[in-house]
Amino acid sequence: MAFLSKTRSLVMGIGLTIIGIGCMIYGLIMGISARTAPVDLYEVDWNTLKPYQHVEFDLDFIADCYMYYERDGKETSRFYAVPNLYANEDGYVDVNHFMGIAVAQKDFAQYEKLADSSYEWWSDETGSVEFGKDAIHIDGYLRKMSSKDKEYMKKYMTEDWGYSDSEADEMMTKYVIMTNGASGGGILAAGAIVMVMGLGLLVSAVIRIVKGN
């Protein structure tokens, strides 16, 4: 049992150290990103976007929620589809890209309101509905889509918008807009604490193994 305890301490020490270093690297990247000039997504080509890029703009149009997470039967976060609109050759509004945006539970009502007014404007044939009247100011960053993000976004684009698989793959941007305002400094500090805990366990386990305790 004593050897098993030392082994567990060694494994836990290595694991915590790796996690801590990972968090510190991530926090450093986020800190650098937060200090760079933000990009307005409506003023750049979405094909030129980069991971962890700082973005700030007024979100004036969103589509439906395509994915959500829940705990104890209640939704804790949602992901809405953000279409990039443009005027096509015929002068009609069309979409050339889709991107996801992560929404916390406290903001559900605000995003649902924007989704409703966006649909009202999109389906209006009289030209009397105001565009972007429920716009939401965004100050966040971009993270790469996970395999689950891609799976549900593609399903939404093919089933709800009628795109083919190849069209969905081409139009789906590989990033998700994160709006939780994560602090690079906070993540960096948390990573340092975890790393110190891991190193403490690691050193303790090595000493015990060497001494045979």
C-alpha atoms as a PDB file:
ATOM      1  CA  MET A   1       0.000   0.000   0.000  1.00  0.00           C
ATOM      2  CA  ALA A   2       2.872   2.344   0.777  1.00  0.00           C
ATOM      3  CA  PHE A   3       4.389   1.866  -2.702  1.00  0.00           C
ATOM      4  CA  LEU A   4       0.980   2.400  -4.301  1.00  0.00           C
ATOM      5  CA  SER A   5       0.626   5.656  -2.361  1.00  0.00           C
ATOM      6  CA  LYS A   6       4.029   6.816  -3.599  1.00  0.00           C
ATOM      7  CA  THR A   7       3.127   5.825  -7.133  1.00  0.00           C
ATOM      8  CA  ARG A   8      -0.114   7.751  -6.962  1.00  0.00           C
ATOM      9  CA  SER A   9       1.713  10.794  -5.617  1.00  0.00           C
ATOM     10  CA  LEU A  10       4.215  10.524  -8.459  1.00  0.00           C
ATOM     11  CA  VAL A  11       1.503  10.202 -11.110  1.00  0.00           C
ATOM     12  CA  MET A  12      -0.558  13.007  -9.623  1.00  0.00           C
ATOM     13  CA  GLY A  13       2.520  15.218  -9.345  1.00  0.00           C
ATOM     14  CA  ILE A  14       3.404  14.690 -12.995  1.00  0.00           C
ATOM     15  CA  GLY A  15      -0.201  15.223 -14.067  1.00  0.00           C
ATOM     16  CA  LEU A  16      -0.685  18.446 -12.091  1.00  0.00           C
ATOM     17  CA  THR A  17       2.651  19.807 -13.261  1.00  0.00           C
ATOM     18  CA  ILE A  18       1.740  19.209 -16.907  1.00  0.00           C
ATOM     19  CA  ILE A  19      -1.722  20.752 -16.415  1.00  0.00           C
ATOM     20  CA  GLY A  20      -0.226  23.746 -14.636  1.00  0.00           C
ATOM     21  CA  ILE A  21       2.322  24.361 -17.380  1.00  0.00           C
ATOM     22  CA  GLY A  22      -0.429  24.024 -19.986  1.00  0.00           C
ATOM     23  CA  CYS A  23      -2.595  26.572 -18.175  1.00  0.00           C
ATOM     24  CA  MET A  24       0.334  28.967 -17.866  1.00  0.00           C
ATOM     25  CA  ILE A  25       1.043  28.742 -21.607  1.00  0.00           C
ATOM     26  CA  TYR A  26      -2.650  29.245 -22.368  1.00  0.00           C
ATOM     27  CA  GLY A  27      -2.844  32.191 -19.959  1.00  0.00           C
ATOM     28  CA  LEU A  28       0.223  33.759 -21.540  1.00  0.00           C
ATOM     29  CA  ILE A  29      -1.325  33.434 -25.010  1.00  0.00           C
ATOM     30  CA  MET A  30      -4.609  34.912 -23.768  1.00  0.00           C
ATOM     31  CA  GLY A  31      -2.778  37.795 -22.097  1.00  0.00           C
ATOM     32  CA  ILE A  32      -0.921  38.631 -25.301  1.00  0.00           C
ATOM     33  CA  SER A  33      -4.151  38.350 -27.302  1.00  0.00           C
ATOM     34  CA  ALA A  34      -6.038  40.665 -24.939  1.00  0.00           C
ATOM     35  CA  ARG A  35      -3.378  43.335 -25.393  1.00  0.00           C
ATOM     36  CA  THR A  36      -3.498  43.282 -29.193  1.00  0.00           C
ATOM     37  CA  ALA A  37      -5.773  45.613 -31.146  1.00  0.00           C
ATOM     38  CA  PRO A  38      -9.216  43.978 -31.484  1.00  0.00           C
ATOM     39  CA  VAL A  39     -10.596  42.957 -34.877  1.00  0.00           C
ATOM     40  CA  ASP A  40     -14.111  43.828 -36.049  1.00  0.00           C
ATOM     41  CA  LEU A  41     -15.442  40.644 -37.662  1.00  0.00           C
ATOM     42  CA  TYR A  42     -17.602  42.661 -40.028  1.00  0.00           C
ATOM     43  CA  GLU A  43     -14.570  44.432 -41.475  1.00  0.00           C
ATOM     44  CA  VAL A  44     -12.242  41.496 -42.217  1.00  0.00           C
ATOM     45  CA  ASP A  45     -12.165  38.401 -44.392  1.00  0.00           C
ATOM     46  CA  TRP A  46     -13.080  35.472 -42.124  1.00  0.00           C
ATOM     47  CA  ASN A  47     -10.579  33.294 -43.991  1.00  0.00           C
ATOM     48  CA  THR A  48      -7.751  35.371 -42.483  1.00  0.00           C
ATOM     49  CA  LEU A  49      -8.755  34.909 -38.818  1.00  0.00           C
ATOM     50  CA  LYS A  50      -6.367  33.290 -36.318  1.00  0.00           C
ATOM     51  CA  PRO A  51      -6.790  31.331 -33.056  1.00  0.00           C
ATOM     52  CA  TYR A  52      -6.972  33.396 -29.848  1.00  0.00           C
ATOM     53  CA  GLN A  53      -7.455  36.560 -31.895  1.00  0.00           C
ATOM     54  CA  HIS A  54      -8.981  39.442 -29.930  1.00  0.00           C
ATOM     55  CA  VAL A  55     -12.329  40.467 -31.447  1.00  0.00           C
ATOM     56  CA  GLU A  56     -14.612  43.382 -30.612  1.00  0.00           C
ATOM     57  CA  PHE A  57     -17.713  44.338 -32.580  1.00  0.00           C
ATOM     58  CA  ASP A  58     -21.485  44.800 -32.397  1.00  0.00           C
ATOM     59  CA  LEU A  59     -23.189  41.492 -33.167  1.00  0.00           C
ATOM     60  CA  ASP A  60     -26.294  42.494 -35.118  1.00  0.00           C
ATOM     61  CA  PHE A  61     -27.489  39.190 -36.609  1.00  0.00           C
ATOM     62  CA  ILE A  62     -27.525  35.594 -35.353  1.00  0.00           C
ATOM     63  CA  ALA A  63     -29.357  32.434 -36.295  1.00  0.00           C
ATOM     64  CA  ASP A  64     -30.418  29.561 -34.057  1.00  0.00           C
ATOM     65  CA  CYS A  65     -28.789  27.723 -31.182  1.00  0.00           C
ATOM     66  CA  TYR A  66     -27.114  24.680 -32.740  1.00  0.00           C
ATOM     67  CA  MET A  67     -25.591  23.108 -29.627  1.00  0.00           C
ATOM     68  CA  TYR A  68     -25.881  23.352 -25.851  1.00  0.00           C
ATOM     69  CA  TYR A  69     -24.514  21.870 -22.638  1.00  0.00           C
ATOM     70  CA  GLU A  70     -26.649  21.000 -19.647  1.00  0.00           C
ATOM     71  CA  ARG A  71     -26.282  19.968 -16.017  1.00  0.00           C
ATOM     72  CA  ASP A  72     -29.004  18.443 -13.851  1.00  0.00           C
ATOM     73  CA  GLY A  73     -31.489  18.906 -16.678  1.00  0.00           C
ATOM     74  CA  LYS A  74     -30.774  22.641 -17.117  1.00  0.00           C
ATOM     75  CA  GLU A  75     -28.877  24.282 -19.971  1.00  0.00           C
ATOM     76  CA  THR A  76     -25.648  25.861 -18.757  1.00  0.00           C
ATOM     77  CA  SER A  77     -24.334  27.230 -22.058  1.00  0.00           C
ATOM     78  CA  ARG A  78     -25.479  27.569 -25.651  1.00  0.00           C
ATOM     79  CA  PHE A  79     -23.781  27.964 -28.991  1.00  0.00           C
ATOM     80  CA  TYR A  80     -25.524  30.119 -31.592  1.00  0.00           C
ATOM     81  CA  ALA A  81     -24.732  30.216 -35.309  1.00  0.00           C
ATOM     82  CA  VAL A  82     -23.420  33.558 -36.593  1.00  0.00           C
ATOM     83  CA  PRO A  83     -23.874  33.909 -40.381  1.00  0.00           C
ATOM     84  CA  ASN A  84     -21.654  36.389 -42.214  1.00  0.00           C
ATOM     85  CA  LEU A  85     -24.007  38.318 -44.491  1.00  0.00           C
ATOM     86  CA  TYR A  86     -23.142  39.958 -47.797  1.00  0.00           C
ATOM     87  CA  ALA A  87     -24.929  41.314 -50.881  1.00  0.00           C
ATOM     88  CA  ASN A  88     -24.689  38.862 -53.796  1.00  0.00           C
ATOM     89  CA  GLU A  89     -24.537  39.705 -57.511  1.00  0.00           C
ATOM     90  CA  ASP A  90     -28.334  39.941 -57.693  1.00  0.00           C
ATOM     91  CA  GLY A  91     -28.430  42.467 -54.878  1.00  0.00           C
ATOM     92  CA  TYR A  92     -29.942  40.055 -52.361  1.00  0.00           C
ATOM     93  CA  VAL A  93     -28.539  39.348 -48.911  1.00  0.00           C
ATOM     94  CA  ASP A  94     -26.752  36.013 -48.768  1.00  0.00           C
ATOM     95  CA  VAL A  95     -24.396  34.119 -46.441  1.00  0.00           C
ATOM     96  CA  ASN A  96     -20.782  33.175 -47.174  1.00  0.00           C
ATOM     97  CA  HIS A  97     -19.589  31.887 -43.786  1.00  0.00           C
ATOM     98  CA  PHE A  98     -20.887  30.555 -40.482  1.00  0.00           C
ATOM     99  CA  MET A  99     -19.215  30.810 -37.095  1.00  0.00           C
ATOM    100  CA  GLY A 100     -20.321  29.734 -33.633  1.00  0.00           C
ATOM    101  CA  ILE A 101     -20.584  31.957 -30.574  1.00  0.00           C
ATOM    102  CA  ALA A 102     -20.572  30.655 -26.984  1.00  0.00           C
ATOM    103  CA  VAL A 103     -23.229  32.107 -24.690  1.00  0.00           C
ATOM    104  CA  ALA A 104     -23.417  31.798 -20.892  1.00  0.00           C
ATOM    105  CA  GLN A 105     -26.683  31.001 -19.139  1.00  0.00           C
ATOM    106  CA  LYS A 106     -27.076  34.538 -17.794  1.00  0.00           C
ATOM    107  CA  ASP A 107     -27.154  35.892 -21.366  1.00  0.00           C
ATOM    108  CA  PHE A 108     -29.696  33.452 -22.861  1.00  0.00           C
ATOM    109  CA  ALA A 109     -32.577  35.966 -22.905  1.00  0.00           C
ATOM    110  CA  GLN A 110     -30.501  38.659 -24.626  1.00  0.00           C
ATOM    111  CA  TYR A 111     -29.361  36.307 -27.386  1.00  0.00           C
ATOM    112  CA  GLU A 112     -32.814  34.824 -27.859  1.00  0.00           C
ATOM    113  CA  LYS A 113     -34.138  38.344 -28.360  1.00  0.00           C
ATOM    114  CA  LEU A 114     -31.499  39.015 -31.028  1.00  0.00           C
ATOM    115  CA  ALA A 115     -32.233  35.651 -32.689  1.00  0.00           C
ATOM    116  CA  ASP A 116     -35.955  36.476 -32.825  1.00  0.00           C
ATOM    117  CA  SER A 117     -35.422  39.947 -34.291  1.00  0.00           C
ATOM    118  CA  SER A 118     -32.853  38.559 -36.752  1.00  0.00           C
ATOM    119  CA  TYR A 119     -35.355  35.986 -38.020  1.00  0.00           C
ATOM    120  CA  GLU A 120     -38.049  38.655 -38.222  1.00  0.00           C
ATOM    121  CA  TRP A 121     -35.791  40.811 -40.397  1.00  0.00           C
ATOM    122  CA  TRP A 122     -34.597  37.855 -42.529  1.00  0.00           C
ATOM    123  CA  SER A 123     -38.139  36.682 -43.314  1.00  0.00           C
ATOM    124  CA  ASP A 124     -39.638  40.163 -43.804  1.00  0.00           C
ATOM    125  CA  GLU A 125     -40.726  40.936 -47.359  1.00  0.00           C
ATOM    126  CA  THR A 126     -41.866  44.498 -46.761  1.00  0.00           C
ATOM    127  CA  GLY A 127     -38.521  46.054 -45.848  1.00  0.00           C
ATOM    128  CA  SER A 128     -40.097  47.602 -42.773  1.00  0.00           C
ATOM    129  CA  VAL A 129     -38.275  45.622 -40.092  1.00  0.00           C
ATOM    130  CA  GLU A 130     -35.258  47.374 -38.578  1.00  0.00           C
ATOM    131  CA  PHE A 131     -31.981  45.462 -38.927  1.00  0.00           C
ATOM    132  CA  GLY A 132     -29.808  44.957 -35.857  1.00  0.00           C
ATOM    133  CA  LYS A 133     -32.087  46.737 -33.395  1.00  0.00           C
ATOM    134  CA  ASP A 134     -31.129  44.259 -30.645  1.00  0.00           C
ATOM    135  CA  ALA A 135     -27.385  44.194 -31.414  1.00  0.00           C
ATOM    136  CA  ILE A 136     -25.043  42.921 -28.687  1.00  0.00           C
ATOM    137  CA  HIS A 137     -21.573  44.348 -28.098  1.00  0.00           C
ATOM    138  CA  ILE A 138     -18.953  41.602 -28.146  1.00  0.00           C
ATOM    139  CA  ASP A 139     -15.471  41.788 -26.637  1.00  0.00           C
ATOM    140  CA  GLY A 140     -13.914  38.349 -26.702  1.00  0.00           C
ATOM    141  CA  TYR A 141     -11.563  36.031 -28.530  1.00  0.00           C
ATOM    142  CA  LEU A 142     -11.559  33.157 -31.010  1.00  0.00           C
ATOM    143  CA  ARG A 143     -10.848  29.544 -30.172  1.00  0.00           C
ATOM    144  CA  LYS A 144     -10.593  26.625 -32.562  1.00  0.00           C
ATOM    145  CA  MET A 145     -13.696  24.491 -33.018  1.00  0.00           C
ATOM    146  CA  SER A 146     -13.652  21.101 -31.339  1.00  0.00           C
ATOM    147  CA  SER A 147     -14.817  17.978 -33.165  1.00  0.00           C
ATOM    148  CA  LYS A 148     -18.156  18.310 -31.348  1.00  0.00           C
ATOM    149  CA  ASP A 149     -18.483  21.960 -32.448  1.00  0.00           C
ATOM    150  CA  LYS A 150     -17.930  20.920 -36.060  1.00  0.00           C
ATOM    151  CA  GLU A 151     -20.320  17.981 -35.845  1.00  0.00           C
ATOM    152  CA  TYR A 152     -23.262  19.999 -34.545  1.00  0.00           C
ATOM    153  CA  MET A 153     -22.590  23.071 -36.675  1.00  0.00           C
ATOM    154  CA  LYS A 154     -22.460  20.919 -39.820  1.00  0.00           C
ATOM    155  CA  LYS A 155     -25.657  19.130 -38.822  1.00  0.00           C
ATOM    156  CA  TYR A 156     -27.368  22.482 -38.301  1.00  0.00           C
ATOM    157  CA  MET A 157     -26.172  23.890 -41.639  1.00  0.00           C
ATOM    158  CA  THR A 158     -27.258  20.838 -43.642  1.00  0.00           C
ATOM    159  CA  GLU A 159     -30.560  20.157 -41.887  1.00  0.00           C
ATOM    160  CA  ASP A 160     -31.778  23.707 -41.164  1.00  0.00           C
ATOM    161  CA  TRP A 161     -30.210  25.682 -44.027  1.00  0.00           C
ATOM    162  CA  GLY A 162     -30.192  22.943 -46.659  1.00  0.00           C
ATOM    163  CA  TYR A 163     -26.498  23.096 -47.550  1.00  0.00           C
ATOM    164  CA  SER A 164     -24.720  20.014 -48.855  1.00  0.00           C
ATOM    165  CA  ASP A 165     -21.935  18.438 -46.804  1.00  0.00           C
ATOM    166  CA  SER A 166     -19.285  19.959 -49.055  1.00  0.00           C
ATOM    167  CA  GLU A 167     -20.909  23.403 -48.924  1.00  0.00           C
ATOM    168  CA  ALA A 168     -21.105  23.219 -45.129  1.00  0.00           C
ATOM    169  CA  ASP A 169     -17.433  22.234 -44.892  1.00  0.00           C
ATOM    170  CA  GLU A 170     -16.441  25.152 -47.113  1.00  0.00           C
ATOM    171  CA  MET A 171     -18.606  27.769 -45.370  1.00  0.00           C
ATOM    172  CA  MET A 172     -18.016  26.696 -41.767  1.00  0.00           C
ATOM    173  CA  THR A 173     -15.337  28.852 -40.148  1.00  0.00           C
ATOM    174  CA  LYS A 174     -13.032  26.838 -37.875  1.00  0.00           C
ATOM    175  CA  TYR A 175     -13.411  29.166 -34.873  1.00  0.00           C
ATOM    176  CA  VAL A 176     -15.873  29.846 -32.083  1.00  0.00           C
ATOM    177  CA  ILE A 177     -16.337  33.312 -30.584  1.00  0.00           C
ATOM    178  CA  MET A 178     -15.798  33.150 -26.823  1.00  0.00           C
ATOM    179  CA  THR A 179     -17.547  35.874 -24.844  1.00  0.00           C
ATOM    180  CA  ASN A 180     -16.703  34.906 -21.260  1.00  0.00           C
ATOM    181  CA  GLY A 181     -13.957  37.520 -20.950  1.00  0.00           C
ATOM    182  CA  ALA A 182     -11.413  35.037 -19.652  1.00  0.00           C
ATOM    183  CA  SER A 183      -8.476  36.759 -18.000  1.00  0.00           C
ATOM    184  CA  GLY A 184      -5.054  35.708 -19.219  1.00  0.00           C
ATOM    185  CA  GLY A 185      -3.551  36.857 -15.924  1.00  0.00           C
ATOM    186  CA  GLY A 186      -6.030  34.803 -13.911  1.00  0.00           C
ATOM    187  CA  ILE A 187      -5.398  31.666 -15.951  1.00  0.00           C
ATOM    188  CA  LEU A 188      -1.650  32.215 -15.717  1.00  0.00           C
ATOM    189  CA  ALA A 189      -1.824  32.562 -11.903  1.00  0.00           C
ATOM    190  CA  ALA A 190      -4.058  29.504 -11.565  1.00  0.00           C
ATOM    191  CA  GLY A 191      -1.665  27.520 -13.736  1.00  0.00           C
ATOM    192  CA  ALA A 192       1.278  28.566 -11.585  1.00  0.00           C
ATOM    193  CA  ILE A 193      -0.528  27.405  -8.434  1.00  0.00           C
ATOM    194  CA  VAL A 194      -1.406  24.038  -9.964  1.00  0.00           C
ATOM    195  CA  MET A 195       2.155  23.594 -11.234  1.00  0.00           C
ATOM    196  CA  VAL A 196       3.619  24.331  -7.772  1.00  0.00           C
ATOM    197  CA  MET A 197       1.224  21.782  -6.226  1.00  0.00           C
ATOM    198  CA  GLY A 198       2.262  19.227  -8.827  1.00  0.00           C
ATOM    199  CA  LEU A 199       5.964  19.863  -8.301  1.00  0.00           C
ATOM    200  CA  GLY A 200       5.479  19.558  -4.534  1.00  0.00           C
ATOM    201  CA  LEU A 201       3.841  16.155  -4.922  1.00  0.00           C
ATOM    202  CA  LEU A 202       6.448  15.100  -7.450  1.00  0.00           C
ATOM    203  CA  VAL A 203       9.426  16.044  -5.281  1.00  0.00           C
ATOM    204  CA  SER A 204       7.834  14.456  -2.219  1.00  0.00           C
ATOM    205  CA  ALA A 205       7.162  11.208  -4.086  1.00  0.00           C
ATOM    206  CA  VAL A 206      10.710  11.050  -5.506  1.00  0.00           C
ATOM    207  CA  ILE A 207      12.254  11.645  -2.044  1.00  0.00           C
ATOM    208  CA  ARG A 208      10.097   8.906  -0.528  1.00  0.00           C
ATOM    209  CA  ILE A 209      10.993   6.483  -3.302  1.00  0.00           C
ATOM    210  CA  VAL A 210      14.744   7.216  -2.958  1.00  0.00           C
ATOM    211  CA  LYS A 211      14.601   6.841   0.835  1.00  0.00           C
ATOM    212  CA  GLY A 212      12.434   3.731   0.533  1.00  0.00           C
ATOM    213  CA  ASN A 213       9.710   5.168   2.819  1.00  0.00           C
END
